[in-house]
C-alpha atoms as a PDB file:
ATOM      1  CA  MET A   1      -0.047  -0.154  -0.077  1.00  0.00           C
ATOM      2  CA  ALA A   2       1.301   3.306  -0.941  1.00  0.00           C
ATOM      3  CA  GLU A   3       0.793   5.332   2.217  1.00  0.00           C
ATOM      4  CA  GLN A   4       0.852   8.724   0.781  1.00  0.00           C
ATOM      5  CA  THR A   5      -1.791   8.038  -1.755  1.00  0.00           C
ATOM      6  CA  GLY A   6      -3.977   5.420  -0.088  1.00  0.00           C
ATOM      7  CA  LEU A   7      -3.665   3.058  -3.113  1.00  0.00           C
ATOM      8  CA  LEU A   8      -4.168  -0.370  -1.830  1.00  0.00           C
ATOM      9  CA  SER A   9      -2.833  -3.691  -3.172  1.00  0.00           C
ATOM     10  CA  PHE A  10      -5.275  -5.969  -1.613  1.00  0.00           C
ATOM     11  CA  GLU A  11      -2.884  -9.080  -2.829  1.00  0.00           C
ATOM     12  CA  ALA A  12       0.078  -7.622  -0.929  1.00  0.00           C
ATOM     13  CA  GLN A  13      -2.029  -6.806   2.290  1.00  0.00           C
ATOM     14  CA  THR A  14      -3.298 -10.489   2.146  1.00  0.00           C
ATOM     15  CA  ASP A  15       0.307 -11.831   1.797  1.00  0.00           C
ATOM     16  CA  PHE A  16       1.595  -9.601   4.705  1.00  0.00           C
ATOM     17  CA  CYS A  17      -1.280 -10.869   7.084  1.00  0.00           C
ATOM     18  CA  ARG A  18      -0.639 -14.482   6.000  1.00  0.00           C
ATOM     19  CA  ARG A  19       3.028 -14.115   6.613  1.00  0.00           C
ATOM     20  CA  ALA A  20       2.270 -12.626  10.071  1.00  0.00           C
ATOM     21  CA  GLU A  21       0.478 -15.757  10.940  1.00  0.00           C
ATOM     22  CA  ASP A  22       3.418 -17.865   9.803  1.00  0.00           C
ATOM     23  CA  CYS A  23       5.679 -15.724  11.930  1.00  0.00           C
ATOM     24  CA  GLY A  24       3.570 -15.944  15.296  1.00  0.00           C
ATOM     25  CA  ILE A  25       2.272 -12.444  15.267  1.00  0.00           C
ATOM     26  CA  GLU A  26      -1.078 -12.351  17.101  1.00  0.00           C
ATOM     27  CA  SER A  27      -2.516  -9.261  15.416  1.00  0.00           C
ATOM     28  CA  VAL A  28      -1.863  -6.424  12.992  1.00  0.00           C
ATOM     29  CA  LEU A  29      -2.712  -2.781  13.769  1.00  0.00           C
ATOM     30  CA  MET A  30      -5.022  -1.390  11.189  1.00  0.00           C
ATOM     31  CA  ALA A  31      -4.258   2.282  11.415  1.00  0.00           C
ATOM     32  CA  PHE A  32      -6.454   5.127  10.596  1.00  0.00           C
ATOM     33  CA  SER A  33      -5.347   7.977   8.479  1.00  0.00           C
ATOM     34  CA  PHE A  34      -6.545   9.974   5.459  1.00  0.00           C
ATOM     35  CA  THR A  35      -3.294   8.280   3.708  1.00  0.00           C
ATOM     36  CA  ARG A  36      -4.882   4.803   4.252  1.00  0.00           C
ATOM     37  CA  PRO A  37      -8.156   2.605   3.384  1.00  0.00           C
ATOM     38  CA  ASP A  38     -10.783   2.372   5.847  1.00  0.00           C
ATOM     39  CA  PRO A  39      -9.454   0.094   8.737  1.00  0.00           C
ATOM     40  CA  VAL A  40     -12.938  -1.409   9.464  1.00  0.00           C
ATOM     41  CA  LEU A  41     -13.691  -2.416   5.794  1.00  0.00           C
ATOM     42  CA  LEU A  42     -10.136  -3.709   5.143  1.00  0.00           C
ATOM     43  CA  SER A  43     -10.114  -5.746   8.475  1.00  0.00           C
ATOM     44  CA  LEU A  44     -13.189  -7.513   7.597  1.00  0.00           C
ATOM     45  CA  ALA A  45     -11.983  -8.196   4.035  1.00  0.00           C
ATOM     46  CA  LEU A  46      -8.441  -9.532   5.218  1.00  0.00           C
ATOM     47  CA  GLY A  47     -10.219 -11.599   7.868  1.00  0.00           C
ATOM     48  CA  MET A  48     -12.004 -13.703   5.279  1.00  0.00           C
ATOM     49  CA  LYS A  49      -8.548 -14.360   3.679  1.00  0.00           C
ATOM     50  CA  THR A  50      -6.752 -15.282   6.908  1.00  0.00           C
ATOM     51  CA  GLU A  51      -7.351 -18.141   9.792  1.00  0.00           C
ATOM     52  CA  LYS A  52      -5.858 -17.137  13.184  1.00  0.00           C
ATOM     53  CA  LEU A  53      -4.653 -13.303  12.877  1.00  0.00           C
ATOM     54  CA  LYS A  54      -6.777 -10.597  14.872  1.00  0.00           C
ATOM     55  CA  PHE A  55      -7.086  -7.184  13.337  1.00  0.00           C
ATOM     56  CA  MET A  56      -6.575  -4.365  15.586  1.00  0.00           C
ATOM     57  CA  VAL A  57      -9.059  -1.551  14.217  1.00  0.00           C
ATOM     58  CA  ALA A  58      -8.017   1.956  14.982  1.00  0.00           C
ATOM     59  CA  ILE A  59     -10.726   4.386  15.699  1.00  0.00           C
ATOM     60  CA  ARG A  60     -11.140   8.045  16.811  1.00  0.00           C
ATOM     61  CA  SER A  61     -14.002   8.971  18.868  1.00  0.00           C
ATOM     62  CA  GLY A  62     -14.947  12.026  16.654  1.00  0.00           C
ATOM     63  CA  ILE A  63     -15.421   9.937  13.509  1.00  0.00           C
ATOM     64  CA  VAL A  64     -18.252   7.594  14.127  1.00  0.00           C
ATOM     65  CA  SER A  65     -21.100   7.352  16.559  1.00  0.00           C
ATOM     66  CA  PRO A  66     -20.376   4.743  19.291  1.00  0.00           C
ATOM     67  CA  THR A  67     -23.510   2.695  18.409  1.00  0.00           C
ATOM     68  CA  LEU A  68     -22.573   2.354  14.738  1.00  0.00           C
ATOM     69  CA  PHE A  69     -18.945   1.418  15.816  1.00  0.00           C
ATOM     70  CA  VAL A  70     -20.099  -1.393  17.953  1.00  0.00           C
ATOM     71  CA  GLN A  71     -22.343  -2.736  15.197  1.00  0.00           C
ATOM     72  CA  GLN A  72     -19.235  -2.591  12.773  1.00  0.00           C
ATOM     73  CA  ILE A  73     -17.042  -4.435  15.233  1.00  0.00           C
ATOM     74  CA  ASN A  74     -19.689  -6.965  16.216  1.00  0.00           C
ATOM     75  CA  THR A  75     -20.046  -7.528  12.565  1.00  0.00           C
ATOM     76  CA  ILE A  76     -16.412  -8.394  12.123  1.00  0.00           C
ATOM     77  CA  SER A  77     -16.567 -10.707  15.145  1.00  0.00           C
ATOM     78  CA  ALA A  78     -19.313 -12.496  13.532  1.00  0.00           C
ATOM     79  CA  MET A  79     -17.697 -12.854  10.197  1.00  0.00           C
ATOM     80  CA  THR A  80     -14.126 -13.900  11.478  1.00  0.00           C
ATOM     81  CA  GLY A  81     -14.772 -15.712  14.712  1.00  0.00           C
ATOM     82  CA  GLY A  82     -14.011 -12.899  16.953  1.00  0.00           C
ATOM     83  CA  ARG A  83     -10.650 -11.907  15.413  1.00  0.00           C
ATOM     84  CA  VAL A  84     -10.844  -8.315  16.131  1.00  0.00           C
ATOM     85  CA  CYS A  85      -9.912  -5.852  18.883  1.00  0.00           C
ATOM     86  CA  ILE A  86      -9.691  -2.128  19.031  1.00  0.00           C
ATOM     87  CA  ASN A  87      -7.004   0.453  19.127  1.00  0.00           C
ATOM     88  CA  MET A  88      -8.421   3.644  20.505  1.00  0.00           C
ATOM     89  CA  VAL A  89      -6.946   6.766  19.128  1.00  0.00           C
ATOM     90  CA  THR A  90      -7.625  10.505  20.373  1.00  0.00           C
ATOM     91  CA  GLY A  91      -5.686  11.828  17.463  1.00  0.00           C
ATOM     92  CA  HIS A  92      -2.385  13.738  17.196  1.00  0.00           C
ATOM     93  CA  THR A  93      -2.646  16.103  14.420  1.00  0.00           C
ATOM     94  CA  PRO A  94      -5.450  18.771  14.701  1.00  0.00           C
ATOM     95  CA  HIS A  95      -5.229  19.979  10.900  1.00  0.00           C
ATOM     96  CA  GLU A  96      -6.082  16.078   9.886  1.00  0.00           C
ATOM     97  CA  LEU A  97      -8.987  15.934  12.497  1.00  0.00           C
ATOM     98  CA  GLY A  98     -10.293  18.747  10.765  1.00  0.00           C
ATOM     99  CA  TYR A  99     -10.545  16.831   7.406  1.00  0.00           C
ATOM    100  CA  TYR A 100     -13.176  14.781   9.370  1.00  0.00           C
ATOM    101  CA  GLY A 101     -15.009  17.602  11.087  1.00  0.00           C
ATOM    102  CA  ASP A 102     -13.267  17.296  14.471  1.00  0.00           C
ATOM    103  CA  PHE A 103     -12.041  20.318  16.021  1.00  0.00           C
ATOM    104  CA  LEU A 104     -11.767  19.670  19.849  1.00  0.00           C
ATOM    105  CA  PRO A 105      -8.380  20.298  21.633  1.00  0.00           C
ATOM    106  CA  HIS A 106      -6.317  17.608  23.209  1.00  0.00           C
ATOM    107  CA  ASP A 107      -7.744  17.392  26.636  1.00  0.00           C
ATOM    108  CA  GLU A 108     -11.503  17.577  25.408  1.00  0.00           C
ATOM    109  CA  ARG A 109     -10.815  14.850  22.859  1.00  0.00           C
ATOM    110  CA  TYR A 110      -9.818  12.434  25.910  1.00  0.00           C
ATOM    111  CA  ALA A 111     -13.097  13.520  27.663  1.00  0.00           C
ATOM    112  CA  ARG A 112     -14.966  12.632  24.523  1.00  0.00           C
ATOM    113  CA  THR A 113     -13.236   9.347  24.157  1.00  0.00           C
ATOM    114  CA  ASP A 114     -14.217   8.576  27.885  1.00  0.00           C
ATOM    115  CA  GLU A 115     -17.978   8.888  26.913  1.00  0.00           C
ATOM    116  CA  PHE A 116     -17.588   7.093  23.709  1.00  0.00           C
ATOM    117  CA  LEU A 117     -15.818   4.040  25.304  1.00  0.00           C
ATOM    118  CA  SER A 118     -18.412   4.111  28.238  1.00  0.00           C
ATOM    119  CA  ILE A 119     -21.241   3.639  25.628  1.00  0.00           C
ATOM    120  CA  CYS A 120     -19.352   1.088  23.691  1.00  0.00           C
ATOM    121  CA  ARG A 121     -18.859  -1.007  26.912  1.00  0.00           C
ATOM    122  CA  ALA A 122     -22.666  -0.493  27.735  1.00  0.00           C
ATOM    123  CA  PHE A 123     -23.720  -2.045  24.526  1.00  0.00           C
ATOM    124  CA  TRP A 124     -21.202  -4.973  24.916  1.00  0.00           C
ATOM    125  CA  ARG A 125     -22.468  -5.830  28.537  1.00  0.00           C
ATOM    126  CA  ARG A 126     -25.805  -6.391  26.939  1.00  0.00           C
ATOM    127  CA  ASP A 127     -27.758  -6.045  30.077  1.00  0.00           C
ATOM    128  CA  GLY A 128     -30.506  -3.782  28.387  1.00  0.00           C
ATOM    129  CA  GLU A 129     -31.144  -0.782  26.459  1.00  0.00           C
ATOM    130  CA  VAL A 130     -28.348   1.854  26.444  1.00  0.00           C
ATOM    131  CA  ASN A 131     -29.210   5.330  27.638  1.00  0.00           C
ATOM    132  CA  PHE A 132     -26.390   7.949  28.079  1.00  0.00           C
ATOM    133  CA  ASN A 133     -26.660  11.617  28.401  1.00  0.00           C
ATOM    134  CA  GLY A 134     -23.206  13.301  28.179  1.00  0.00           C
ATOM    135  CA  LYS A 135     -21.488  16.332  27.078  1.00  0.00           C
ATOM    136  CA  TYR A 136     -20.623  14.948  23.654  1.00  0.00           C
ATOM    137  CA  TYR A 137     -23.053  11.841  23.191  1.00  0.00           C
ATOM    138  CA  ARG A 138     -26.657  11.390  23.930  1.00  0.00           C
ATOM    139  CA  ILE A 139     -28.023   7.724  23.332  1.00  0.00           C
ATOM    140  CA  GLU A 140     -31.585   6.972  23.993  1.00  0.00           C
ATOM    141  CA  ASN A 141     -32.949   3.307  24.305  1.00  0.00           C
ATOM    142  CA  GLY A 142     -30.059   2.223  22.439  1.00  0.00           C
ATOM    143  CA  LYS A 143     -30.092  -1.269  20.933  1.00  0.00           C
ATOM    144  CA  VAL A 144     -27.542  -3.479  18.733  1.00  0.00           C
ATOM    145  CA  ASN A 145     -29.128  -6.685  18.175  1.00  0.00           C
ATOM    146  CA  LEU A 146     -26.012  -8.312  16.802  1.00  0.00           C
ATOM    147  CA  PRO A 147     -23.826  -9.226  19.920  1.00  0.00           C
ATOM    148  CA  PHE A 148     -20.058  -9.489  19.879  1.00  0.00           C
ATOM    149  CA  ILE A 149     -19.157 -13.007  18.925  1.00  0.00           C
ATOM    150  CA  SER A 150     -16.077 -14.938  20.409  1.00  0.00           C
ATOM    151  CA  ASP A 151     -15.209 -18.110  21.997  1.00  0.00           C
ATOM    152  CA  GLU A 152     -12.958 -16.086  24.480  1.00  0.00           C
ATOM    153  CA  THR A 153     -14.879 -13.008  25.553  1.00  0.00           C
ATOM    154  CA  THR A 154     -18.119 -11.173  25.258  1.00  0.00           C
ATOM    155  CA  SER A 155     -16.443  -7.946  24.377  1.00  0.00           C
ATOM    156  CA  PRO A 156     -13.356  -6.883  22.267  1.00  0.00           C
ATOM    157  CA  GLU A 157     -10.060  -6.053  23.917  1.00  0.00           C
ATOM    158  CA  ILE A 158      -9.410  -2.321  24.042  1.00  0.00           C
ATOM    159  CA  TYR A 159      -6.034  -0.658  23.250  1.00  0.00           C
ATOM    160  CA  LEU A 160      -5.546   2.885  24.163  1.00  0.00           C
ATOM    161  CA  GLY A 161      -2.780   5.008  22.631  1.00  0.00           C
ATOM    162  CA  GLY A 162      -1.105   7.818  24.452  1.00  0.00           C
ATOM    163  CA  ASN A 163       2.018   8.979  26.686  1.00  0.00           C
ATOM    164  CA  SER A 164       0.195  11.715  28.744  1.00  0.00           C
ATOM    165  CA  GLN A 165      -1.052  11.450  32.350  1.00  0.00           C
ATOM    166  CA  ILE A 166      -4.729  11.849  31.001  1.00  0.00           C
ATOM    167  CA  ALA A 167      -4.073   8.744  28.714  1.00  0.00           C
ATOM    168  CA  ASP A 168      -2.854   6.540  31.690  1.00  0.00           C
ATOM    169  CA  GLU A 169      -6.009   7.526  33.625  1.00  0.00           C
ATOM    170  CA  LEU A 170      -8.471   6.778  30.833  1.00  0.00           C
ATOM    171  CA  ALA A 171      -6.504   3.504  29.905  1.00  0.00           C
ATOM    172  CA  VAL A 172      -6.991   2.359  33.708  1.00  0.00           C
ATOM    173  CA  LYS A 173     -10.617   3.300  33.453  1.00  0.00           C
ATOM    174  CA  HIS A 174     -11.659   1.492  30.005  1.00  0.00           C
ATOM    175  CA  ALA A 175      -8.761  -0.391  28.405  1.00  0.00           C
ATOM    176  CA  ASP A 176      -7.262  -3.655  28.475  1.00  0.00           C
ATOM    177  CA  CYS A 177      -3.786  -2.071  27.531  1.00  0.00           C
ATOM    178  CA  LEU A 178      -2.206   0.969  27.361  1.00  0.00           C
ATOM    179  CA  TRP A 179       0.056   1.598  24.142  1.00  0.00           C
ATOM    180  CA  ARG A 180       3.004   4.041  24.665  1.00  0.00           C
ATOM    181  CA  PHE A 181       6.403   4.809  23.352  1.00  0.00           C
ATOM    182  CA  PRO A 182       9.397   3.148  25.180  1.00  0.00           C
ATOM    183  CA  ASP A 183      12.117   4.822  27.322  1.00  0.00           C
ATOM    184  CA  ALA A 184      15.060   3.416  29.199  1.00  0.00           C
ATOM    185  CA  PRO A 185      13.603   0.675  31.426  1.00  0.00           C
ATOM    186  CA  GLU A 186      14.683   2.462  34.747  1.00  0.00           C
ATOM    187  CA  LYS A 187      12.766   5.454  33.724  1.00  0.00           C
ATOM    188  CA  LEU A 188       9.640   3.623  32.381  1.00  0.00           C
ATOM    189  CA  ARG A 189       9.302   1.367  35.521  1.00  0.00           C
ATOM    190  CA  PRO A 190       7.886   4.063  37.903  1.00  0.00           C
ATOM    191  CA  ARG A 191       5.543   5.445  35.142  1.00  0.00           C
ATOM    192  CA  ILE A 192       3.889   2.122  34.276  1.00  0.00           C
ATOM    193  CA  GLN A 193       3.802   0.487  37.854  1.00  0.00           C
ATOM    194  CA  PRO A 194       0.599   2.513  38.825  1.00  0.00           C
ATOM    195  CA  ILE A 195      -1.111   1.350  35.733  1.00  0.00           C
ATOM    196  CA  VAL A 196      -0.122  -2.376  35.882  1.00  0.00           C
ATOM    197  CA  SER A 197      -0.960  -2.428  39.576  1.00  0.00           C
ATOM    198  CA  GLN A 198      -4.787  -1.590  38.824  1.00  0.00           C
ATOM    199  CA  GLY A 199      -4.880  -4.688  36.169  1.00  0.00           C
ATOM    200  CA  THR A 200      -4.322  -2.744  32.932  1.00  0.00           C
ATOM    201  CA  GLU A 201      -1.544  -4.014  30.822  1.00  0.00           C
ATOM    202  CA  VAL A 202       1.007  -1.633  29.297  1.00  0.00           C
ATOM    203  CA  GLY A 203       2.628  -2.383  25.959  1.00  0.00           C
ATOM    204  CA  LEU A 204       5.462  -0.662  23.830  1.00  0.00           C
ATOM    205  CA  LEU A 205       5.073   0.718  20.066  1.00  0.00           C
ATOM    206  CA  VAL A 206       8.734   0.319  19.077  1.00  0.00           C
ATOM    207  CA  SER A 207      10.482  -0.105  15.965  1.00  0.00           C
ATOM    208  CA  LEU A 208      13.226  -2.939  15.325  1.00  0.00           C
ATOM    209  CA  ILE A 209      16.388  -3.152  13.435  1.00  0.00           C
ATOM    210  CA  ALA A 210      17.869  -6.712  14.395  1.00  0.00           C
ATOM    211  CA  ARG A 211      20.973  -8.030  12.531  1.00  0.00           C
ATOM    212  CA  THR A 212      23.427 -10.911  12.841  1.00  0.00           C
ATOM    213  CA  THR A 213      25.920  -8.332  14.542  1.00  0.00           C
ATOM    214  CA  ARG A 214      25.253  -5.149  16.518  1.00  0.00           C
ATOM    215  CA  GLU A 215      27.965  -3.507  14.026  1.00  0.00           C
ATOM    216  CA  GLN A 216      25.464  -4.422  11.037  1.00  0.00           C
ATOM    217  CA  ALA A 217      22.377  -3.324  12.716  1.00  0.00           C
ATOM    218  CA  VAL A 218      24.148   0.285  13.580  1.00  0.00           C
ATOM    219  CA  LEU A 219      25.416   0.530  10.047  1.00  0.00           C
ATOM    220  CA  ASP A 220      22.017  -0.417   8.586  1.00  0.00           C
ATOM    221  CA  ALA A 221      20.215   2.160  10.951  1.00  0.00           C
ATOM    222  CA  HIS A 222      22.309   4.990   9.734  1.00  0.00           C
ATOM    223  CA  SER A 223      21.889   3.806   6.295  1.00  0.00           C
ATOM    224  CA  LEU A 224      18.206   4.178   6.621  1.00  0.00           C
ATOM    225  CA  ILE A 225      18.626   7.799   7.461  1.00  0.00           C
ATOM    226  CA  GLU A 226      20.732   8.555   4.479  1.00  0.00           C
ATOM    227  CA  THR A 227      18.164   6.863   2.240  1.00  0.00           C
ATOM    228  CA  VAL A 228      15.160   8.945   3.519  1.00  0.00           C
ATOM    229  CA  GLY A 229      17.215  12.157   3.552  1.00  0.00           C
ATOM    230  CA  ALA A 230      16.657  15.827   4.457  1.00  0.00           C
ATOM    231  CA  LYS A 231      13.596  16.126   2.739  1.00  0.00           C
ATOM    232  CA  SER A 232      12.009  13.741   4.942  1.00  0.00           C
ATOM    233  CA  ARG A 233      13.234  15.721   7.887  1.00  0.00           C
ATOM    234  CA  GLU A 234      11.735  18.840   6.859  1.00  0.00           C
ATOM    235  CA  PHE A 235       8.333  17.027   6.315  1.00  0.00           C
ATOM    236  CA  GLN A 236       8.724  15.727  10.121  1.00  0.00           C
ATOM    237  CA  LYS A 237       9.410  19.334  11.356  1.00  0.00           C
ATOM    238  CA  GLU A 238       6.091  20.285   9.757  1.00  0.00           C
ATOM    239  CA  ALA A 239       4.173  17.343  11.152  1.00  0.00           C
ATOM    240  CA  LEU A 240       5.674  18.016  14.639  1.00  0.00           C
ATOM    241  CA  ARG A 241       4.678  21.438  14.553  1.00  0.00           C
ATOM    242  CA  ARG A 242       1.035  20.585  13.731  1.00  0.00           C
ATOM    243  CA  SER A 243       0.668  17.890  16.423  1.00  0.00           C
ATOM    244  CA  ASP A 244      -0.407  18.359  19.832  1.00  0.00           C
ATOM    245  CA  SER A 245       0.420  14.613  21.010  1.00  0.00           C
ATOM    246  CA  ILE A 246       2.317  14.375  24.351  1.00  0.00           C
ATOM    247  CA  GLY A 247       4.073  11.146  23.030  1.00  0.00           C
ATOM    248  CA  ILE A 248       5.154  12.557  19.695  1.00  0.00           C
ATOM    249  CA  ARG A 249       6.449  15.683  21.152  1.00  0.00           C
ATOM    250  CA  THR A 250       8.472  13.705  24.065  1.00  0.00           C
ATOM    251  CA  ASN A 251      10.082  11.464  21.530  1.00  0.00           C
ATOM    252  CA  PHE A 252      11.191  14.235  19.269  1.00  0.00           C
ATOM    253  CA  LYS A 253      12.552  16.108  22.520  1.00  0.00           C
ATOM    254  CA  LEU A 254      14.481  12.844  23.376  1.00  0.00           C
ATOM    255  CA  ALA A 255      15.845  12.860  19.982  1.00  0.00           C
ATOM    256  CA  GLU A 256      17.001  16.522  19.807  1.00  0.00           C
ATOM    257  CA  SER A 257      17.829  17.240  23.454  1.00  0.00           C
ATOM    258  CA  ASN A 258      19.987  14.238  24.594  1.00  0.00           C
ATOM    259  CA  GLU A 259      23.785  14.326  24.190  1.00  0.00           C
ATOM    260  CA  SER A 260      23.498  10.849  22.581  1.00  0.00           C
ATOM    261  CA  GLU A 261      21.082   9.314  20.280  1.00  0.00           C
ATOM    262  CA  TRP A 262      21.096   6.117  22.181  1.00  0.00           C
ATOM    263  CA  LEU A 263      18.893   6.221  25.319  1.00  0.00           C
ATOM    264  CA  THR A 264      20.331   2.699  26.170  1.00  0.00           C
ATOM    265  CA  PRO A 265      22.905   0.450  24.495  1.00  0.00           C
ATOM    266  CA  ASN A 266      20.153  -0.546  22.070  1.00  0.00           C
ATOM    267  CA  LEU A 267      17.344   2.026  22.266  1.00  0.00           C
ATOM    268  CA  TRP A 268      17.964   4.407  19.335  1.00  0.00           C
ATOM    269  CA  THR A 269      16.367   7.808  18.643  1.00  0.00           C
ATOM    270  CA  GLY A 270      18.383   8.612  15.470  1.00  0.00           C
ATOM    271  CA  ALA A 271      15.599   7.861  13.170  1.00  0.00           C
ATOM    272  CA  ILE A 272      12.849  10.097  14.838  1.00  0.00           C
ATOM    273  CA  PRO A 273      13.619  13.352  13.098  1.00  0.00           C
ATOM    274  CA  TYR A 274      13.516  11.711   9.689  1.00  0.00           C
ATOM    275  CA  LEU A 275      10.594   9.166  10.144  1.00  0.00           C
ATOM    276  CA  GLY A 276       8.524  10.443  13.127  1.00  0.00           C
ATOM    277  CA  ALA A 277       7.922   9.446  16.886  1.00  0.00           C
ATOM    278  CA  PRO A 278       7.180   5.676  16.236  1.00  0.00           C
ATOM    279  CA  ALA A 279      10.717   5.268  14.547  1.00  0.00           C
ATOM    280  CA  ILE A 280      12.189   5.084  18.090  1.00  0.00           C
ATOM    281  CA  ALA A 281      13.714   1.739  17.595  1.00  0.00           C
ATOM    282  CA  LEU A 282      15.695  -1.381  19.233  1.00  0.00           C
ATOM    283  CA  VAL A 283      18.779  -1.608  17.211  1.00  0.00           C
ATOM    284  CA  GLY A 284      21.258  -4.480  17.745  1.00  0.00           C
ATOM    285  CA  SER A 285      22.277  -8.067  17.186  1.00  0.00           C
ATOM    286  CA  TYR A 286      19.598 -10.828  17.625  1.00  0.00           C
ATOM    287  CA  GLU A 287      20.879 -11.590  21.099  1.00  0.00           C
ATOM    288  CA  GLU A 288      20.839  -7.967  22.076  1.00  0.00           C
ATOM    289  CA  ILE A 289      17.196  -7.386  20.894  1.00  0.00           C
ATOM    290  CA  ALA A 290      15.989 -10.546  22.801  1.00  0.00           C
ATOM    291  CA  SER A 291      17.740  -9.279  25.864  1.00  0.00           C
ATOM    292  CA  ALA A 292      16.344  -5.589  25.578  1.00  0.00           C
ATOM    293  CA  ILE A 293      12.674  -7.181  25.231  1.00  0.00           C
ATOM    294  CA  ILE A 294      13.121  -9.295  28.334  1.00  0.00           C
ATOM    295  CA  ASP A 295      14.331  -6.302  30.255  1.00  0.00           C
ATOM    296  CA  TYR A 296      11.148  -4.613  29.480  1.00  0.00           C
ATOM    297  CA  LYS A 297       9.044  -7.703  30.347  1.00  0.00           C
ATOM    298  CA  GLN A 298      10.704  -7.746  33.819  1.00  0.00           C
ATOM    299  CA  ILE A 299       9.514  -4.173  34.703  1.00  0.00           C
ATOM    300  CA  GLY A 300       6.013  -5.018  33.760  1.00  0.00           C
ATOM    301  CA  ILE A 301       5.720  -4.460  29.987  1.00  0.00           C
ATOM    302  CA  SER A 302       3.572  -7.470  28.489  1.00  0.00           C
ATOM    303  CA  GLN A 303       2.725  -6.513  25.007  1.00  0.00           C
ATOM    304  CA  PHE A 304       4.869  -5.151  21.990  1.00  0.00           C
ATOM    305  CA  LEU A 305       3.707  -3.465  18.666  1.00  0.00           C
ATOM    306  CA  PHE A 306       6.682  -3.753  16.237  1.00  0.00           C
ATOM    307  CA  MET A 307       7.428  -1.735  12.970  1.00  0.00           C
ATOM    308  CA  GLY A 308      10.358  -2.519  10.751  1.00  0.00           C
ATOM    309  CA  TRP A 309      12.049  -1.479   7.459  1.00  0.00           C
ATOM    310  CA  PRO A 310      11.144  -3.270   5.165  1.00  0.00           C
ATOM    311  CA  ASP A 311       8.436  -4.472   7.353  1.00  0.00           C
ATOM    312  CA  ILE A 312       8.036  -7.907   6.158  1.00  0.00           C
ATOM    313  CA  ASP A 313      11.632  -8.740   6.063  1.00  0.00           C
ATOM    314  CA  GLU A 314      11.983  -7.415   9.861  1.00  0.00           C
ATOM    315  CA  MET A 315       9.016  -9.532  10.826  1.00  0.00           C
ATOM    316  CA  ILE A 316      10.603 -12.668   9.238  1.00  0.00           C
ATOM    317  CA  VAL A 317      13.761 -12.060  10.833  1.00  0.00           C
ATOM    318  CA  PHE A 318      12.375 -11.411  14.189  1.00  0.00           C
ATOM    319  CA  SER A 319      10.237 -14.729  14.081  1.00  0.00           C
ATOM    320  CA  ARG A 320      13.161 -16.762  12.970  1.00  0.00           C
ATOM    321  CA  GLU A 321      16.164 -15.276  15.014  1.00  0.00           C
ATOM    322  CA  VAL A 322      14.827 -13.113  17.806  1.00  0.00           C
ATOM    323  CA  LEU A 323      11.703 -14.810  19.074  1.00  0.00           C
ATOM    324  CA  PRO A 324      13.269 -18.248  19.825  1.00  0.00           C
ATOM    325  CA  LEU A 325      15.941 -16.344  21.841  1.00  0.00           C
ATOM    326  CA  ILE A 326      13.274 -14.538  23.862  1.00  0.00           C
ATOM    327  CA  ARG A 327      11.532 -17.781  24.671  1.00  0.00           C
ATOM    328  CA  GLU A 328      14.789 -19.176  25.689  1.00  0.00           C
ATOM    329  CA  ARG A 329      15.449 -16.374  28.139  1.00  0.00           C
ATOM    330  CA  GLU A 330      12.015 -16.305  29.457  1.00  0.00           C
ATOM    331  CA  ARG A 331      12.760 -20.048  30.552  1.00  0.00           C
ATOM    332  CA  GLU A 332      16.168 -19.079  31.953  1.00  0.00           C
ATOM    333  CA  SER A 333      14.748 -15.894  33.960  1.00  0.00           C
ATOM    334  CA  GLY A 334      11.316 -17.231  34.787  1.00  0.00           C
ATOM    335  CA  THR A 335       9.339 -14.582  32.921  1.00  0.00           C
ATOM    336  CA  GLN A 336       7.276 -16.973  30.796  1.00  0.00           C
ATOM    337  CA  GLY A 337       4.276 -16.939  33.543  1.00  0.00           C
ATOM    338  CA  HIS A 338       3.010 -13.977  31.649  1.00  0.00           C
ATOM    339  CA  PRO A 339       3.444 -14.471  27.996  1.00  0.00           C
ATOM    340  CA  ASP A 340       3.991 -11.465  25.871  1.00  0.00           C
ATOM    341  CA  ARG A 341       1.645 -10.406  23.010  1.00  0.00           C
ATOM    342  CA  LEU A 342       3.272  -9.736  19.645  1.00  0.00           C
ATOM    343  CA  ARG A 343       1.626  -7.548  17.333  1.00  0.00           C
ATOM    344  CA  LYS A 344       2.477  -5.734  14.041  1.00  0.00           C
ATOM    345  CA  ILE A 345       1.462  -2.514  12.198  1.00  0.00           C
ATOM    346  CA  SER A 346       0.037  -3.294   8.836  1.00  0.00           C
END
């Protein structure tokens, strides 16, 4: 799929998803953006072409009514045997939100998302008609006759993205897991412990550059920057100027203000100014990447959402070379009691 045009190769998307299944990836994130196809429709279509993979459908509360969204998700569940979950996004670029008629500021978007998820959960509880009268939504005697269909649960898992304190609070209230960007484990531990202690998981959105040796991984990391060039850096500067996301601004600050582009021996910020905040990356040998992931698991991180360049190649390398090492270290360190959840951006 050509991200900037929205052109879709359904065959390529299908191949990617089938390869993800073969690689042991649990689900793929179906991102929401004007540059992409609609994630709800595409998830349903790809669900018809796959057998095990879950589709994490991204949604913004200002795009669609909660009643209709529940109906859409329940339809995907019925057609795929429950292979759908939700990535709740509050939006990070006000000018793009305006494309869809959404002009709320940052904190109000979180308040609206609170109402949106309250209504969705009321429908999924199926304990009667849904009535809600809030600041942003009003539902009267709401009904969705088609239930969420799954052998495992009566409602989809909810993943909420954000690095702000308000995101932490909303995740604890509504989500199964909070997605956030990584930092050094010793800095991340005190931030995530209050969330984990209240029963909400925390997962990391992080890119990967895993190679046979650290030297090759670092070389490929810097080659990536040279490939995208100065034009991409100017584009990211403009995107940062327009964004009101705490996580995005924090990552750019990490990349620009630190003396080193390495937050740990393997956590690299060098690609952020060129490829954006999600380009914060674990870079190193297969053994180093496996050890870094175990370090995060030991502080309470239980889910991982990976990106790579090229994405399919990195996914295959991870499955073949890194994942077996993670499983081995789990056995050695005793961390396998709470298995990680491995996910991929589609």
